[in-house]
N, C-alpha and C. Protein backbone atom coordinates (compact mmCIF):
# COMPACT_ATOMS: atom_id res chain seq x y z
N MET A 1 172.16 181.06 20.81
CA MET A 1 170.93 181.23 21.71
C MET A 1 170.25 180.16 22.03
N GLU A 2 170.32 179.66 23.00
CA GLU A 2 169.64 178.41 23.85
C GLU A 2 167.52 178.20 23.90
N ILE A 3 167.22 177.38 23.00
CA ILE A 3 166.00 177.35 23.34
C ILE A 3 165.47 176.69 24.50
N VAL A 4 164.66 177.49 25.22
CA VAL A 4 164.12 177.10 26.55
C VAL A 4 162.25 177.35 26.36
N CYS A 5 161.69 176.21 27.41
CA CYS A 5 160.86 176.37 27.61
C CYS A 5 159.58 177.71 28.16
N VAL A 6 159.15 178.16 27.56
CA VAL A 6 158.99 179.71 27.35
C VAL A 6 158.22 179.60 29.29
N SER A 7 157.77 178.57 29.63
CA SER A 7 157.08 178.40 30.82
C SER A 7 158.02 178.10 32.39
N CYS A 8 158.41 176.68 32.04
CA CYS A 8 159.05 176.42 33.27
C CYS A 8 161.18 176.84 32.83
N SER A 9 161.66 177.24 31.64
CA SER A 9 162.80 177.67 31.62
C SER A 9 163.63 176.66 31.22
N ARG A 10 163.35 175.12 31.04
CA ARG A 10 164.32 174.32 30.66
C ARG A 10 164.45 173.84 29.49
N GLY A 11 165.57 174.56 29.31
CA GLY A 11 166.20 173.72 27.90
C GLY A 11 166.05 172.55 27.20
N GLU A 12 166.38 172.40 25.64
CA GLU A 12 166.63 170.95 24.99
C GLU A 12 167.55 170.13 25.76
N ASP A 13 168.06 170.42 26.29
CA ASP A 13 169.24 169.29 26.81
C ASP A 13 168.87 168.65 28.37
N GLU A 14 167.14 169.61 28.35
CA GLU A 14 166.70 168.83 29.82
C GLU A 14 165.04 168.05 29.28
N VAL A 15 164.62 168.47 28.40
CA VAL A 15 163.53 168.00 28.40
C VAL A 15 162.92 168.60 26.43
N PRO A 16 162.75 167.47 26.16
CA PRO A 16 162.06 167.38 24.62
C PRO A 16 161.36 169.04 24.71
N LEU A 17 161.32 169.64 23.62
CA LEU A 17 160.99 170.87 23.64
C LEU A 17 160.30 170.77 22.05
N THR A 18 159.05 171.31 22.06
CA THR A 18 157.94 171.54 20.66
C THR A 18 157.93 173.27 20.33
N GLU A 19 158.57 173.57 19.23
CA GLU A 19 158.47 175.26 18.69
C GLU A 19 157.10 175.54 18.18
N TRP A 20 156.64 176.71 18.48
CA TRP A 20 155.21 177.51 17.75
C TRP A 20 155.60 178.48 17.31
N ARG A 21 154.59 178.84 16.49
CA ARG A 21 154.63 180.21 16.32
C ARG A 21 153.52 180.95 16.83
N TYR A 22 153.46 182.31 16.77
CA TYR A 22 152.28 183.10 17.06
C TYR A 22 152.49 184.29 16.91
N GLN A 23 151.20 185.32 15.97
CA GLN A 23 152.09 186.01 15.99
C GLN A 23 152.99 186.92 15.40
N GLY A 24 153.59 185.76 14.72
CA GLY A 24 154.99 186.17 14.01
C GLY A 24 155.98 186.17 15.13
N ASP A 25 155.49 185.33 16.35
CA ASP A 25 157.03 185.07 17.16
C ASP A 25 156.96 183.86 17.44
N ARG A 26 158.10 183.18 17.93
CA ARG A 26 158.43 181.37 17.77
C ARG A 26 158.80 181.90 19.51
N PHE A 27 158.08 180.53 20.37
CA PHE A 27 158.28 180.48 21.62
C PHE A 27 158.33 178.19 21.80
N ALA A 28 158.91 178.31 22.73
CA ALA A 28 158.79 176.50 22.88
C ALA A 28 158.35 175.85 24.03
N VAL A 29 157.76 174.93 24.02
CA VAL A 29 157.29 174.21 25.03
C VAL A 29 157.47 173.14 25.18
N CYS A 30 158.00 172.58 26.50
CA CYS A 30 158.05 171.23 26.83
C CYS A 30 157.07 170.52 27.08
N PRO A 31 156.65 169.35 27.05
CA PRO A 31 155.84 168.06 27.53
C PRO A 31 154.58 168.47 28.33
N GLU A 32 155.39 168.94 29.63
CA GLU A 32 154.71 168.87 30.89
C GLU A 32 154.26 170.45 30.87
N CYS A 33 154.20 170.97 30.16
CA CYS A 33 154.12 172.72 30.45
C CYS A 33 152.68 172.46 29.12
N LEU A 34 152.73 171.60 28.34
CA LEU A 34 151.93 171.66 26.91
C LEU A 34 150.71 171.95 27.37
N PRO A 35 150.33 171.16 28.26
CA PRO A 35 148.53 171.31 29.01
C PRO A 35 148.26 172.07 29.39
N MET A 36 149.08 173.12 29.72
CA MET A 36 148.38 174.38 29.95
C MET A 36 147.65 175.28 28.80
N LEU A 37 149.06 175.37 27.88
CA LEU A 37 148.72 175.42 26.53
C LEU A 37 147.69 175.34 25.81
N ILE A 38 147.00 173.68 26.10
CA ILE A 38 146.19 173.51 25.26
C ILE A 38 144.66 173.47 26.08
N HIS A 39 144.81 173.53 27.39
CA HIS A 39 143.25 173.53 28.14
C HIS A 39 143.25 174.81 28.69
N HIS A 40 144.23 175.22 28.80
CA HIS A 40 143.88 176.75 29.66
C HIS A 40 144.88 177.86 28.81
N ARG A 41 144.49 177.99 27.13
CA ARG A 41 145.13 178.58 26.54
C ARG A 41 145.15 180.65 26.31
N GLU A 42 144.60 180.87 27.19
CA GLU A 42 144.41 182.68 27.05
C GLU A 42 145.19 182.85 28.57
N GLN A 43 144.48 181.75 29.72
CA GLN A 43 145.40 182.45 30.65
C GLN A 43 147.32 181.85 30.53
N ALA A 44 147.52 180.88 29.69
CA ALA A 44 148.87 180.59 29.33
C ALA A 44 149.51 182.07 28.93
N MET A 45 148.60 182.04 27.89
CA MET A 45 149.05 183.06 27.00
C MET A 45 149.85 184.52 27.48
N GLN A 46 148.81 184.86 28.88
CA GLN A 46 149.21 186.04 29.18
C GLN A 46 150.09 186.13 30.68
N ARG A 47 150.32 184.75 30.79
CA ARG A 47 151.27 184.14 31.88
C ARG A 47 152.74 184.40 30.86
N TRP A 48 152.93 184.26 29.98
CA TRP A 48 153.86 183.65 29.07
C TRP A 48 154.00 185.34 28.38
N HIS A 49 153.33 186.00 28.93
CA HIS A 49 153.75 187.49 27.81
C HIS A 49 153.54 187.44 26.48
N LEU A 50 152.51 186.61 26.06
CA LEU A 50 152.27 186.23 24.40
C LEU A 50 151.04 186.92 23.86
N ASN A 51 150.36 187.21 24.85
CA ASN A 51 149.25 188.24 24.14
C ASN A 51 149.54 189.60 23.50
N ARG A 52 149.61 190.01 22.20
CA ARG A 52 149.77 191.02 21.65
C ARG A 52 148.64 191.60 21.63
N GLN A 53 147.22 190.94 21.14
CA GLN A 53 146.14 191.53 20.91
C GLN A 53 144.85 191.01 21.85
N SER A 54 144.20 191.28 22.72
CA SER A 54 143.15 190.92 23.22
C SER A 54 142.06 190.97 23.24
N GLY A 55 140.99 190.54 23.32
CA GLY A 55 139.92 190.41 22.50
C GLY A 55 139.75 189.74 21.66
N GLY A 56 138.29 189.31 21.01
CA GLY A 56 138.00 188.48 19.77
C GLY A 56 137.53 187.55 19.87
N ASP A 57 137.49 186.86 18.88
CA ASP A 57 136.95 185.22 18.89
C ASP A 57 138.05 184.69 19.25
N ASP A 58 139.18 185.06 18.56
CA ASP A 58 140.78 183.83 18.83
C ASP A 58 140.85 183.80 19.75
N ASP A 59 140.36 184.39 21.54
CA ASP A 59 140.40 184.40 22.59
C ASP A 59 138.85 183.06 22.95
N ALA A 60 138.51 182.97 22.37
CA ALA A 60 137.29 181.90 22.74
C ALA A 60 137.51 180.60 23.27
N PRO A 61 137.04 180.00 24.28
CA PRO A 61 137.64 178.49 24.42
C PRO A 61 137.00 177.58 23.12
N ARG A 62 137.65 176.97 23.08
CA ARG A 62 137.25 176.12 21.96
C ARG A 62 136.74 174.44 21.97
């Protein structure tokens, strides 16, 4: 199974990827898509279908 960026779907043969874990799932993000995860985490999680739970303090901006 090829690892691809959860946002842009490019593989590790095209761009560097960083693997992440969240709620028991693994996903990869490339450097170009990482700022979305860092600065707009809640929007990114929804867009990338990674939110299993909603609400709570974990969704609060930091």
